[in-house]
Each structure stands twice: as C-alpha cells, then as structure tokens.
Amino acid sequence: MAHARISANLPPDIDPTKAPIAFGRRAFPKLNEELHSPELLTQQRALMALCDLVHDPENVYQAIGVGFLDNLKILLLHHDSTVRQKTTEILYIMAMHNVGSSRKF
C-alpha cells in the first residue's frame, strides 16, 4: 500500500517572489488593489509582477489607464527599501516607452 508524503518545501519551479496575476483586463486593476494592501509581502509581489509586465508598451498603456502613476508616486515614500526600489524601476521602465514618456509624471 502506498503512503502519501507531503513535503514542507516548495516545488523547485515556483518562485515565492512572484504574485499570481489575473488574466486579461482584470490583471492591472487587481495589481493596483494589491498595491494598497496592508501586507508588505503582497505589495512587494504586486510590484515584482508589475515590473515584469511593463516591459511591453501595450501593458504600459493599460497601466497608465488604470491609474498606476498616482499610486506609484505614493509608494516612492514607502518605509520599505524594496518597495521604493521596485517602484523606481517601474517608473523608469514606463518612462522609457513612447507611451509612458508622453505622460507627465
């Protein structure tokens, strides 16, 4: 008879710093909500996911439409250095795209 063994370790292909992202039009509003979370880890995961997404100009356009710029400005003053660093990186990437550079930060 076989016995089930459950490991306490995560599978090797799962990155705990990545947030699960919603699909389609719901992805950016969901990430925007997670940026307002009181939990630091949730905010950091949302920023990591957003940082991966804004490399695509179409995603930059959607992020600006959702209203990320105002929220990212607020996060520049966050007490956690990782949040400030990822926020700066996201704003930099967005500003380098033609869509983002035409907006006033």
PDB file of N, CA and C in Angstrom:
ATOM      1  N   MET A   1       0.837  -1.172   0.000  1.00  0.00           N
ATOM      2  CA  MET A   1       0.000   0.000   0.000  1.00  0.00           C
ATOM      3  C   MET A   1       0.889   1.246   0.000  1.00  0.00           C
ATOM      4  N   ALA A   2       0.577   2.178  -0.819  1.00  0.00           N
ATOM      5  CA  ALA A   2       1.370   3.407  -0.922  1.00  0.00           C
ATOM      6  C   ALA A   2       0.897   4.435   0.095  1.00  0.00           C
ATOM      7  N   HIS A   3       1.849   5.202   0.593  1.00  0.00           N
ATOM      8  CA  HIS A   3       1.535   6.263   1.542  1.00  0.00           C
ATOM      9  C   HIS A   3       1.889   7.605   0.917  1.00  0.00           C
ATOM     10  N   ALA A   4       1.055   8.577   1.143  1.00  0.00           N
ATOM     11  CA  ALA A   4       1.308   9.917   0.617  1.00  0.00           C
ATOM     12  C   ALA A   4       2.285  10.643   1.528  1.00  0.00           C
ATOM     13  N   ARG A   5       3.245  11.304   0.917  1.00  0.00           N
ATOM     14  CA  ARG A   5       4.200  12.100   1.662  1.00  0.00           C
ATOM     15  C   ARG A   5       4.080  13.543   1.191  1.00  0.00           C
ATOM     16  N   ILE A   6       3.875  14.434   2.108  1.00  0.00           N
ATOM     17  CA  ILE A   6       3.739  15.847   1.769  1.00  0.00           C
ATOM     18  C   ILE A   6       4.975  16.565   2.281  1.00  0.00           C
ATOM     19  N   SER A   7       5.650  17.224   1.370  1.00  0.00           N
ATOM     20  CA  SER A   7       6.870  17.935   1.723  1.00  0.00           C
ATOM     21  C   SER A   7       6.539  19.354   2.175  1.00  0.00           C
ATOM     22  N   ALA A   8       7.334  19.876   3.084  1.00  0.00           N
ATOM     23  CA  ALA A   8       7.167  21.252   3.534  1.00  0.00           C
ATOM     24  C   ALA A   8       7.853  22.222   2.584  1.00  0.00           C
ATOM     25  N   ASN A   9       8.666  21.702   1.664  1.00  0.00           N
ATOM     26  CA  ASN A   9       9.393  22.552   0.717  1.00  0.00           C
ATOM     27  C   ASN A   9       8.534  22.851  -0.506  1.00  0.00           C
ATOM     28  N   LEU A  10       8.731  24.051  -1.048  1.00  0.00           N
ATOM     29  CA  LEU A  10       8.035  24.406  -2.283  1.00  0.00           C
ATOM     30  C   LEU A  10       8.643  23.653  -3.455  1.00  0.00           C
ATOM     31  N   PRO A  11       7.857  23.397  -4.495  1.00  0.00           N
ATOM     32  CA  PRO A  11       8.431  22.788  -5.696  1.00  0.00           C
ATOM     33  C   PRO A  11       9.520  23.695  -6.260  1.00  0.00           C
ATOM     34  N   PRO A  12      10.512  23.131  -6.921  1.00  0.00           N
ATOM     35  CA  PRO A  12      11.646  23.941  -7.384  1.00  0.00           C
ATOM     36  C   PRO A  12      11.299  24.959  -8.467  1.00  0.00           C
ATOM     37  N   ASP A  13      10.189  24.808  -9.154  1.00  0.00           N
ATOM     38  CA  ASP A  13       9.842  25.719 -10.237  1.00  0.00           C
ATOM     39  C   ASP A  13       8.885  26.843  -9.796  1.00  0.00           C
ATOM     40  N   ILE A  14       8.647  27.007  -8.515  1.00  0.00           N
ATOM     41  CA  ILE A  14       7.771  28.065  -8.014  1.00  0.00           C
ATOM     42  C   ILE A  14       8.624  29.135  -7.355  1.00  0.00           C
ATOM     43  N   ASP A  15       8.461  30.360  -7.806  1.00  0.00           N
ATOM     44  CA  ASP A  15       9.202  31.487  -7.249  1.00  0.00           C
ATOM     45  C   ASP A  15       8.296  32.215  -6.254  1.00  0.00           C
ATOM     46  N   PRO A  16       8.656  32.249  -4.966  1.00  0.00           N
ATOM     47  CA  PRO A  16       7.770  32.883  -3.977  1.00  0.00           C
ATOM     48  C   PRO A  16       7.689  34.402  -4.100  1.00  0.00           C
ATOM     49  N   THR A  17       8.582  35.008  -4.890  1.00  0.00           N
ATOM     50  CA  THR A  17       8.523  36.464  -5.051  1.00  0.00           C
ATOM     51  C   THR A  17       7.554  36.887  -6.143  1.00  0.00           C
ATOM     52  N   LYS A  18       7.032  35.953  -6.897  1.00  0.00           N
ATOM     53  CA  LYS A  18       6.106  36.269  -7.981  1.00  0.00           C
ATOM     54  C   LYS A  18       4.671  36.144  -7.494  1.00  0.00           C
ATOM     55  N   ALA A  19       3.866  37.120  -7.856  1.00  0.00           N
ATOM     56  CA  ALA A  19       2.452  37.087  -7.496  1.00  0.00           C
ATOM     57  C   ALA A  19       1.663  36.418  -8.605  1.00  0.00           C
ATOM     58  N   PRO A  20       0.633  35.658  -8.265  1.00  0.00           N
ATOM     59  CA  PRO A  20      -0.239  35.148  -9.319  1.00  0.00           C
ATOM     60  C   PRO A  20      -0.985  36.326  -9.956  1.00  0.00           C
ATOM     61  N   ILE A  21      -1.002  36.368 -11.257  1.00  0.00           N
ATOM     62  CA  ILE A  21      -1.570  37.505 -11.977  1.00  0.00           C
ATOM     63  C   ILE A  21      -2.873  37.085 -12.627  1.00  0.00           C
ATOM     64  N   ALA A  22      -3.878  37.937 -12.520  1.00  0.00           N
ATOM     65  CA  ALA A  22      -5.145  37.694 -13.199  1.00  0.00           C
ATOM     66  C   ALA A  22      -4.937  37.855 -14.704  1.00  0.00           C
ATOM     67  N   PHE A  23      -5.839  37.341 -15.488  1.00  0.00           N
ATOM     68  CA  PHE A  23      -5.701  37.399 -16.928  1.00  0.00           C
ATOM     69  C   PHE A  23      -6.585  38.495 -17.518  1.00  0.00           C
ATOM     70  N   GLY A  24      -6.184  38.929 -18.701  1.00  0.00           N
ATOM     71  CA  GLY A  24      -6.991  39.873 -19.456  1.00  0.00           C
ATOM     72  C   GLY A  24      -7.057  41.253 -18.834  1.00  0.00           C
ATOM     73  N   ARG A  25      -8.229  41.840 -18.926  1.00  0.00           N
ATOM     74  CA  ARG A  25      -8.399  43.216 -18.458  1.00  0.00           C
ATOM     75  C   ARG A  25      -8.386  43.323 -16.944  1.00  0.00           C
ATOM     76  N   ARG A  26      -8.473  42.233 -16.240  1.00  0.00           N
ATOM     77  CA  ARG A  26      -8.537  42.255 -14.781  1.00  0.00           C
ATOM     78  C   ARG A  26      -7.152  42.293 -14.127  1.00  0.00           C
ATOM     79  N   ALA A  27      -6.091  42.047 -14.879  1.00  0.00           N
ATOM     80  CA  ALA A  27      -4.742  41.960 -14.301  1.00  0.00           C
ATOM     81  C   ALA A  27      -4.315  43.266 -13.641  1.00  0.00           C
ATOM     82  N   PHE A  28      -4.437  44.372 -14.342  1.00  0.00           N
ATOM     83  CA  PHE A  28      -3.945  45.635 -13.795  1.00  0.00           C
ATOM     84  C   PHE A  28      -4.799  46.178 -12.653  1.00  0.00           C
ATOM     85  N   PRO A  29      -6.126  46.110 -12.736  1.00  0.00           N
ATOM     86  CA  PRO A  29      -6.895  46.540 -11.567  1.00  0.00           C
ATOM     87  C   PRO A  29      -6.598  45.701 -10.323  1.00  0.00           C
ATOM     88  N   LYS A  30      -6.373  44.399 -10.503  1.00  0.00           N
ATOM     89  CA  LYS A  30      -6.064  43.530  -9.365  1.00  0.00           C
ATOM     90  C   LYS A  30      -4.705  43.903  -8.761  1.00  0.00           C
ATOM     91  N   LEU A  31      -3.708  44.138  -9.597  1.00  0.00           N
ATOM     92  CA  LEU A  31      -2.395  44.560  -9.092  1.00  0.00           C
ATOM     93  C   LEU A  31      -2.484  45.917  -8.406  1.00  0.00           C
ATOM     94  N   ASN A  32      -3.311  46.785  -8.938  1.00  0.00           N
ATOM     95  CA  ASN A  32      -3.495  48.104  -8.332  1.00  0.00           C
ATOM     96  C   ASN A  32      -4.101  47.970  -6.932  1.00  0.00           C
ATOM     97  N   GLU A  33      -5.044  47.044  -6.772  1.00  0.00           N
ATOM     98  CA  GLU A  33      -5.627  46.791  -5.451  1.00  0.00           C
ATOM     99  C   GLU A  33      -4.574  46.238  -4.494  1.00  0.00           C
ATOM    100  N   GLU A  34      -3.721  45.352  -4.987  1.00  0.00           N
ATOM    101  CA  GLU A  34      -2.712  44.736  -4.137  1.00  0.00           C
ATOM    102  C   GLU A  34      -1.649  45.744  -3.687  1.00  0.00           C
ATOM    103  N   LEU A  35      -1.457  46.801  -4.436  1.00  0.00           N
ATOM    104  CA  LEU A  35      -0.510  47.840  -4.012  1.00  0.00           C
ATOM    105  C   LEU A  35      -1.005  48.563  -2.763  1.00  0.00           C
ATOM    106  N   HIS A  36      -2.307  48.557  -2.518  1.00  0.00           N
ATOM    107  CA  HIS A  36      -2.889  49.203  -1.345  1.00  0.00           C
ATOM    108  C   HIS A  36      -3.021  48.250  -0.155  1.00  0.00           C
ATOM    109  N   SER A  37      -2.536  47.028  -0.317  1.00  0.00           N
ATOM    110  CA  SER A  37      -2.660  46.031   0.748  1.00  0.00           C
ATOM    111  C   SER A  37      -1.840  46.441   1.977  1.00  0.00           C
ATOM    112  N   PRO A  38      -2.338  46.147   3.172  1.00  0.00           N
ATOM    113  CA  PRO A  38      -1.553  46.446   4.376  1.00  0.00           C
ATOM    114  C   PRO A  38      -0.376  45.485   4.565  1.00  0.00           C
ATOM    115  N   GLU A  39      -0.376  44.350   3.865  1.00  0.00           N
ATOM    116  CA  GLU A  39       0.705  43.381   3.983  1.00  0.00           C
ATOM    117  C   GLU A  39       1.859  43.754   3.056  1.00  0.00           C
ATOM    118  N   LEU A  40       3.045  43.822   3.617  1.00  0.00           N
ATOM    119  CA  LEU A  40       4.231  44.216   2.858  1.00  0.00           C
ATOM    120  C   LEU A  40       4.540  43.210   1.754  1.00  0.00           C
ATOM    121  N   LEU A  41       4.437  41.928   2.041  1.00  0.00           N
ATOM    122  CA  LEU A  41       4.751  40.901   1.045  1.00  0.00           C
ATOM    123  C   LEU A  41       3.815  40.984  -0.155  1.00  0.00           C
ATOM    124  N   THR A  42       2.551  41.286   0.063  1.00  0.00           N
ATOM    125  CA  THR A  42       1.594  41.435  -1.032  1.00  0.00           C
ATOM    126  C   THR A  42       1.970  42.618  -1.913  1.00  0.00           C
ATOM    127  N   GLN A  43       2.368  43.717  -1.302  1.00  0.00           N
ATOM    128  CA  GLN A  43       2.805  44.881  -2.074  1.00  0.00           C
ATOM    129  C   GLN A  43       4.059  44.562  -2.885  1.00  0.00           C
ATOM    130  N   GLN A  44       5.006  43.879  -2.269  1.00  0.00           N
ATOM    131  CA  GLN A  44       6.243  43.539  -2.970  1.00  0.00           C
ATOM    132  C   GLN A  44       5.975  42.602  -4.135  1.00  0.00           C
ATOM    133  N   ARG A  45       5.110  41.618  -3.944  1.00  0.00           N
ATOM    134  CA  ARG A  45       4.784  40.698  -5.033  1.00  0.00           C
ATOM    135  C   ARG A  45       4.085  41.418  -6.181  1.00  0.00           C
ATOM    136  N   ALA A  46       3.185  42.330  -5.851  1.00  0.00           N
ATOM    137  CA  ALA A  46       2.489  43.089  -6.899  1.00  0.00           C
ATOM    138  C   ALA A  46       3.478  43.944  -7.687  1.00  0.00           C
ATOM    139  N   LEU A  47       4.435  44.532  -6.997  1.00  0.00           N
ATOM    140  CA  LEU A  47       5.435  45.344  -7.681  1.00  0.00           C
ATOM    141  C   LEU A  47       6.341  44.493  -8.571  1.00  0.00           C
ATOM    142  N   MET A  48       6.697  43.305  -8.103  1.00  0.00           N
ATOM    143  CA  MET A  48       7.519  42.400  -8.920  1.00  0.00           C
ATOM    144  C   MET A  48       6.773  42.000 -10.186  1.00  0.00           C
ATOM    145  N   ALA A  49       5.508  41.671 -10.055  1.00  0.00           N
ATOM    146  CA  ALA A  49       4.708  41.286 -11.211  1.00  0.00           C
ATOM    147  C   ALA A  49       4.527  42.463 -12.167  1.00  0.00           C
ATOM    148  N   LEU A  50       4.267  43.626 -11.615  1.00  0.00           N
ATOM    149  CA  LEU A  50       4.096  44.821 -12.454  1.00  0.00           C
ATOM    150  C   LEU A  50       5.384  45.153 -13.190  1.00  0.00           C
ATOM    151  N   CYS A  51       6.502  44.974 -12.527  1.00  0.00           N
ATOM    152  CA  CYS A  51       7.790  45.244 -13.155  1.00  0.00           C
ATOM    153  C   CYS A  51       8.002  44.334 -14.363  1.00  0.00           C
ATOM    154  N   ASP A  52       7.582  43.088 -14.268  1.00  0.00           N
ATOM    155  CA  ASP A  52       7.685  42.184 -15.407  1.00  0.00           C
ATOM    156  C   ASP A  52       6.737  42.579 -16.534  1.00  0.00           C
ATOM    157  N   LEU A  53       5.563  43.084 -16.189  1.00  0.00           N
ATOM    158  CA  LEU A  53       4.553  43.398 -17.196  1.00  0.00           C
ATOM    159  C   LEU A  53       4.839  44.682 -17.974  1.00  0.00           C
ATOM    160  N   VAL A  54       5.453  45.665 -17.349  1.00  0.00           N
ATOM    161  CA  VAL A  54       5.589  46.970 -18.013  1.00  0.00           C
ATOM    162  C   VAL A  54       6.691  47.007 -19.064  1.00  0.00           C
ATOM    163  N   HIS A  55       7.341  45.894 -19.320  1.00  0.00           N
ATOM    164  CA  HIS A  55       8.312  45.877 -20.409  1.00  0.00           C
ATOM    165  C   HIS A  55       7.607  45.917 -21.773  1.00  0.00           C
ATOM    166  N   ASP A  56       6.329  45.573 -21.792  1.00  0.00           N
ATOM    167  CA  ASP A  56       5.537  45.608 -23.022  1.00  0.00           C
ATOM    168  C   ASP A  56       4.814  46.956 -23.108  1.00  0.00           C
ATOM    169  N   PRO A  57       4.995  47.715 -24.205  1.00  0.00           N
ATOM    170  CA  PRO A  57       4.358  49.037 -24.319  1.00  0.00           C
ATOM    171  C   PRO A  57       2.840  49.008 -24.186  1.00  0.00           C
ATOM    172  N   GLU A  58       2.200  47.944 -24.650  1.00  0.00           N
ATOM    173  CA  GLU A  58       0.743  47.848 -24.515  1.00  0.00           C
ATOM    174  C   GLU A  58       0.348  47.767 -23.043  1.00  0.00           C
ATOM    175  N   ASN A  59       1.122  47.068 -22.262  1.00  0.00           N
ATOM    176  CA  ASN A  59       0.848  46.979 -20.830  1.00  0.00           C
ATOM    177  C   ASN A  59       1.097  48.314 -20.127  1.00  0.00           C
ATOM    178  N   VAL A  60       2.063  49.076 -20.609  1.00  0.00           N
ATOM    179  CA  VAL A  60       2.303  50.412 -20.045  1.00  0.00           C
ATOM    180  C   VAL A  60       1.079  51.284 -20.276  1.00  0.00           C
ATOM    181  N   TYR A  61       0.522  51.203 -21.465  1.00  0.00           N
ATOM    182  CA  TYR A  61      -0.673  51.974 -21.800  1.00  0.00           C
ATOM    183  C   TYR A  61      -1.832  51.601 -20.886  1.00  0.00           C
ATOM    184  N   GLN A  62      -2.020  50.303 -20.647  1.00  0.00           N
ATOM    185  CA  GLN A  62      -3.106  49.847 -19.772  1.00  0.00           C
ATOM    186  C   GLN A  62      -2.851  50.280 -18.325  1.00  0.00           C
ATOM    187  N   ALA A  63      -1.601  50.202 -17.886  1.00  0.00           N
ATOM    188  CA  ALA A  63      -1.269  50.588 -16.508  1.00  0.00           C
ATOM    189  C   ALA A  63      -1.529  52.069 -16.275  1.00  0.00           C
ATOM    190  N   ILE A  64      -1.212  52.884 -17.253  1.00  0.00           N
ATOM    191  CA  ILE A  64      -1.474  54.317 -17.127  1.00  0.00           C
ATOM    192  C   ILE A  64      -2.975  54.567 -17.087  1.00  0.00           C
ATOM    193  N   GLY A  65      -3.724  53.830 -17.904  1.00  0.00           N
ATOM    194  CA  GLY A  65      -5.174  53.982 -17.922  1.00  0.00           C
ATOM    195  C   GLY A  65      -5.835  53.591 -16.605  1.00  0.00           C
ATOM    196  N   VAL A  66      -5.280  52.605 -15.917  1.00  0.00           N
ATOM    197  CA  VAL A  66      -5.837  52.155 -14.642  1.00  0.00           C
ATOM    198  C   VAL A  66      -5.540  53.169 -13.536  1.00  0.00           C
ATOM    199  N   GLY A  67      -4.466  53.915 -13.680  1.00  0.00           N
ATOM    200  CA  GLY A  67      -4.126  54.919 -12.673  1.00  0.00           C
ATOM    201  C   GLY A  67      -2.946  54.545 -11.791  1.00  0.00           C
ATOM    202  N   PHE A  68      -2.026  53.777 -12.325  1.00  0.00           N
ATOM    203  CA  PHE A  68      -0.872  53.361 -11.549  1.00  0.00           C
ATOM    204  C   PHE A  68       0.065  54.513 -11.194  1.00  0.00           C
ATOM    205  N   LEU A  69       0.129  55.522 -12.028  1.00  0.00           N
ATOM    206  CA  LEU A  69       1.121  56.580 -11.799  1.00  0.00           C
ATOM    207  C   LEU A  69       0.944  57.261 -10.447  1.00  0.00           C
ATOM    208  N   ASP A  70      -0.278  57.589 -10.079  1.00  0.00           N
ATOM    209  CA  ASP A  70      -0.512  58.241  -8.793  1.00  0.00           C
ATOM    210  C   ASP A  70      -0.152  57.317  -7.631  1.00  0.00           C
ATOM    211  N   ASN A  71      -0.472  56.041  -7.768  1.00  0.00           N
ATOM    212  CA  ASN A  71      -0.154  55.090  -6.703  1.00  0.00           C
ATOM    213  C   ASN A  71       1.343  54.848  -6.592  1.00  0.00           C
ATOM    214  N   LEU A  72       2.035  54.830  -7.726  1.00  0.00           N
ATOM    215  CA  LEU A  72       3.477  54.626  -7.688  1.00  0.00           C
ATOM    216  C   LEU A  72       4.194  55.830  -7.077  1.00  0.00           C
ATOM    217  N   LYS A  73       3.669  57.027  -7.315  1.00  0.00           N
ATOM    218  CA  LYS A  73       4.256  58.220  -6.694  1.00  0.00           C
ATOM    219  C   LYS A  73       4.198  58.126  -5.166  1.00  0.00           C
ATOM    220  N   ILE A  74       3.091  57.622  -4.661  1.00  0.00           N
ATOM    221  CA  ILE A  74       2.932  57.476  -3.206  1.00  0.00           C
ATOM    222  C   ILE A  74       3.906  56.433  -2.665  1.00  0.00           C
ATOM    223  N   LEU A  75       4.112  55.349  -3.421  1.00  0.00           N
ATOM    224  CA  LEU A  75       4.993  54.277  -2.963  1.00  0.00           C
ATOM    225  C   LEU A  75       6.463  54.678  -2.951  1.00  0.00           C
ATOM    226  N   LEU A  76       6.812  55.765  -3.617  1.00  0.00           N
ATOM    227  CA  LEU A  76       8.199  56.245  -3.559  1.00  0.00           C
ATOM    228  C   LEU A  76       8.589  56.675  -2.142  1.00  0.00           C
ATOM    229  N   LEU A  77       7.618  56.943  -1.301  1.00  0.00           N
ATOM    230  CA  LEU A  77       7.876  57.367   0.076  1.00  0.00           C
ATOM    231  C   LEU A  77       7.665  56.237   1.081  1.00  0.00           C
ATOM    232  N   HIS A  78       7.544  55.005   0.610  1.00  0.00           N
ATOM    233  CA  HIS A  78       7.275  53.846   1.466  1.00  0.00           C
ATOM    234  C   HIS A  78       8.457  53.596   2.409  1.00  0.00           C
ATOM    235  N   HIS A  79       8.176  53.021   3.568  1.00  0.00           N
ATOM    236  CA  HIS A  79       9.223  52.759   4.554  1.00  0.00           C
ATOM    237  C   HIS A  79      10.144  51.607   4.156  1.00  0.00           C
ATOM    238  N   ASP A  80       9.697  50.715   3.269  1.00  0.00           N
ATOM    239  CA  ASP A  80      10.498  49.561   2.861  1.00  0.00           C
ATOM    240  C   ASP A  80      11.353  49.895   1.645  1.00  0.00           C
ATOM    241  N   SER A  81      12.635  49.562   1.710  1.00  0.00           N
ATOM    242  CA  SER A  81      13.547  49.902   0.623  1.00  0.00           C
ATOM    243  C   SER A  81      13.271  49.092  -0.646  1.00  0.00           C
ATOM    244  N   THR A  82      12.790  47.857  -0.514  1.00  0.00           N
ATOM    245  CA  THR A  82      12.471  47.048  -1.694  1.00  0.00           C
ATOM    246  C   THR A  82      11.306  47.651  -2.460  1.00  0.00           C
ATOM    247  N   VAL A  83      10.305  48.123  -1.752  1.00  0.00           N
ATOM    248  CA  VAL A  83       9.151  48.762  -2.399  1.00  0.00           C
ATOM    249  C   VAL A  83       9.605  50.021  -3.134  1.00  0.00           C
ATOM    250  N   ARG A  84      10.427  50.820  -2.494  1.00  0.00           N
ATOM    251  CA  ARG A  84      10.923  52.035  -3.150  1.00  0.00           C
ATOM    252  C   ARG A  84      11.761  51.711  -4.383  1.00  0.00           C
ATOM    253  N   GLN A  85      12.604  50.692  -4.281  1.00  0.00           N
ATOM    254  CA  GLN A  85      13.466  50.315  -5.395  1.00  0.00           C
ATOM    255  C   GLN A  85      12.662  49.813  -6.590  1.00  0.00           C
ATOM    256  N   LYS A  86      11.714  48.906  -6.354  1.00  0.00           N
ATOM    257  CA  LYS A  86      10.909  48.375  -7.453  1.00  0.00           C
ATOM    258  C   LYS A  86      10.001  49.440  -8.052  1.00  0.00           C
ATOM    259  N   THR A  87       9.511  50.348  -7.213  1.00  0.00           N
ATOM    260  CA  THR A  87       8.686  51.442  -7.715  1.00  0.00           C
ATOM    261  C   THR A  87       9.495  52.330  -8.648  1.00  0.00           C
ATOM    262  N   THR A  88      10.711  52.638  -8.256  1.00  0.00           N
ATOM    263  CA  THR A  88      11.593  53.448  -9.100  1.00  0.00           C
ATOM    264  C   THR A  88      11.896  52.735 -10.409  1.00  0.00           C
ATOM    265  N   GLU A  89      12.137  51.439 -10.339  1.00  0.00           N
ATOM    266  CA  GLU A  89      12.415  50.660 -11.542  1.00  0.00           C
ATOM    267  C   GLU A  89      11.222  50.662 -12.493  1.00  0.00           C
ATOM    268  N   ILE A  90      10.022  50.506 -11.955  1.00  0.00           N
ATOM    269  CA  ILE A  90       8.810  50.507 -12.785  1.00  0.00           C
ATOM    270  C   ILE A  90       8.622  51.868 -13.451  1.00  0.00           C
ATOM    271  N   LEU A  91       8.777  52.926 -12.686  1.00  0.00           N
ATOM    272  CA  LEU A  91       8.623  54.265 -13.262  1.00  0.00           C
ATOM    273  C   LEU A  91       9.670  54.524 -14.353  1.00  0.00           C
ATOM    274  N   TYR A  92      10.881  54.035 -14.147  1.00  0.00           N
ATOM    275  CA  TYR A  92      11.936  54.193 -15.148  1.00  0.00           C
ATOM    276  C   TYR A  92      11.571  53.460 -16.438  1.00  0.00           C
ATOM    277  N   ILE A  93      11.127  52.207 -16.307  1.00  0.00           N
ATOM    278  CA  ILE A  93      10.764  51.415 -17.488  1.00  0.00           C
ATOM    279  C   ILE A  93       9.594  52.064 -18.223  1.00  0.00           C
ATOM    280  N   MET A  94       8.608  52.536 -17.476  1.00  0.00           N
ATOM    281  CA  MET A  94       7.456  53.182 -18.101  1.00  0.00           C
ATOM    282  C   MET A  94       7.864  54.463 -18.825  1.00  0.00           C
ATOM    283  N   ALA A  95       8.778  55.204 -18.251  1.00  0.00           N
ATOM    284  CA  ALA A  95       9.212  56.460 -18.869  1.00  0.00           C
ATOM    285  C   ALA A  95      10.026  56.228 -20.138  1.00  0.00           C
ATOM    286  N   MET A  96      10.655  55.070 -20.259  1.00  0.00           N
ATOM    287  CA  MET A  96      11.466  54.776 -21.433  1.00  0.00           C
ATOM    288  C   MET A  96      10.625  54.394 -22.649  1.00  0.00           C
ATOM    289  N   HIS A  97       9.378  53.995 -22.447  1.00  0.00           N
ATOM    290  CA  HIS A  97       8.498  53.676 -23.570  1.00  0.00           C
ATOM    291  C   HIS A  97       7.901  54.969 -24.121  1.00  0.00           C
ATOM    292  N   ASN A  98       7.566  54.954 -25.401  1.00  0.00           N
ATOM    293  CA  ASN A  98       6.954  56.132 -26.019  1.00  0.00           C
ATOM    294  C   ASN A  98       5.629  56.474 -25.364  1.00  0.00           C
ATOM    295  N   VAL A  99       4.863  55.471 -24.981  1.00  0.00           N
ATOM    296  CA  VAL A  99       3.569  55.708 -24.342  1.00  0.00           C
ATOM    297  C   VAL A  99       3.767  56.386 -23.004  1.00  0.00           C
ATOM    298  N   GLY A 100       4.725  55.906 -22.214  1.00  0.00           N
ATOM    299  CA  GLY A 100       4.958  56.443 -20.886  1.00  0.00           C
ATOM    300  C   GLY A 100       5.665  57.775 -20.897  1.00  0.00           C
ATOM    301  N   SER A 101       6.527  58.011 -21.876  1.00  0.00           N
ATOM    302  CA  SER A 101       7.277  59.265 -21.876  1.00  0.00           C
ATOM    303  C   SER A 101       6.416  60.448 -22.270  1.00  0.00           C
ATOM    304  N   SER A 102       5.280  60.200 -22.926  1.00  0.00           N
ATOM    305  CA  SER A 102       4.400  61.308 -23.298  1.00  0.00           C
ATOM    306  C   SER A 102       3.523  61.758 -22.134  1.00  0.00           C
ATOM    307  N   ARG A 103       3.486  60.960 -21.066  1.00  0.00           N
ATOM    308  CA  ARG A 103       2.709  61.309 -19.870  1.00  0.00           C
ATOM    309  C   ARG A 103       3.582  62.103 -18.921  1.00  0.00           C
ATOM    310  N   LYS A 104       2.944  62.962 -18.155  1.00  0.00           N
ATOM    311  CA  LYS A 104       3.678  63.746 -17.164  1.00  0.00           C
ATOM    312  C   LYS A 104       3.683  62.981 -15.849  1.00  0.00           C
ATOM    313  N   PHE A 105       4.862  62.706 -15.370  1.00  0.00           N
ATOM    314  CA  PHE A 105       4.999  62.023 -14.094  1.00  0.00           C
ATOM    315  C   PHE A 105       4.963  63.066 -13.034  1.00  0.00           C
TER     316      PHE A 105
END
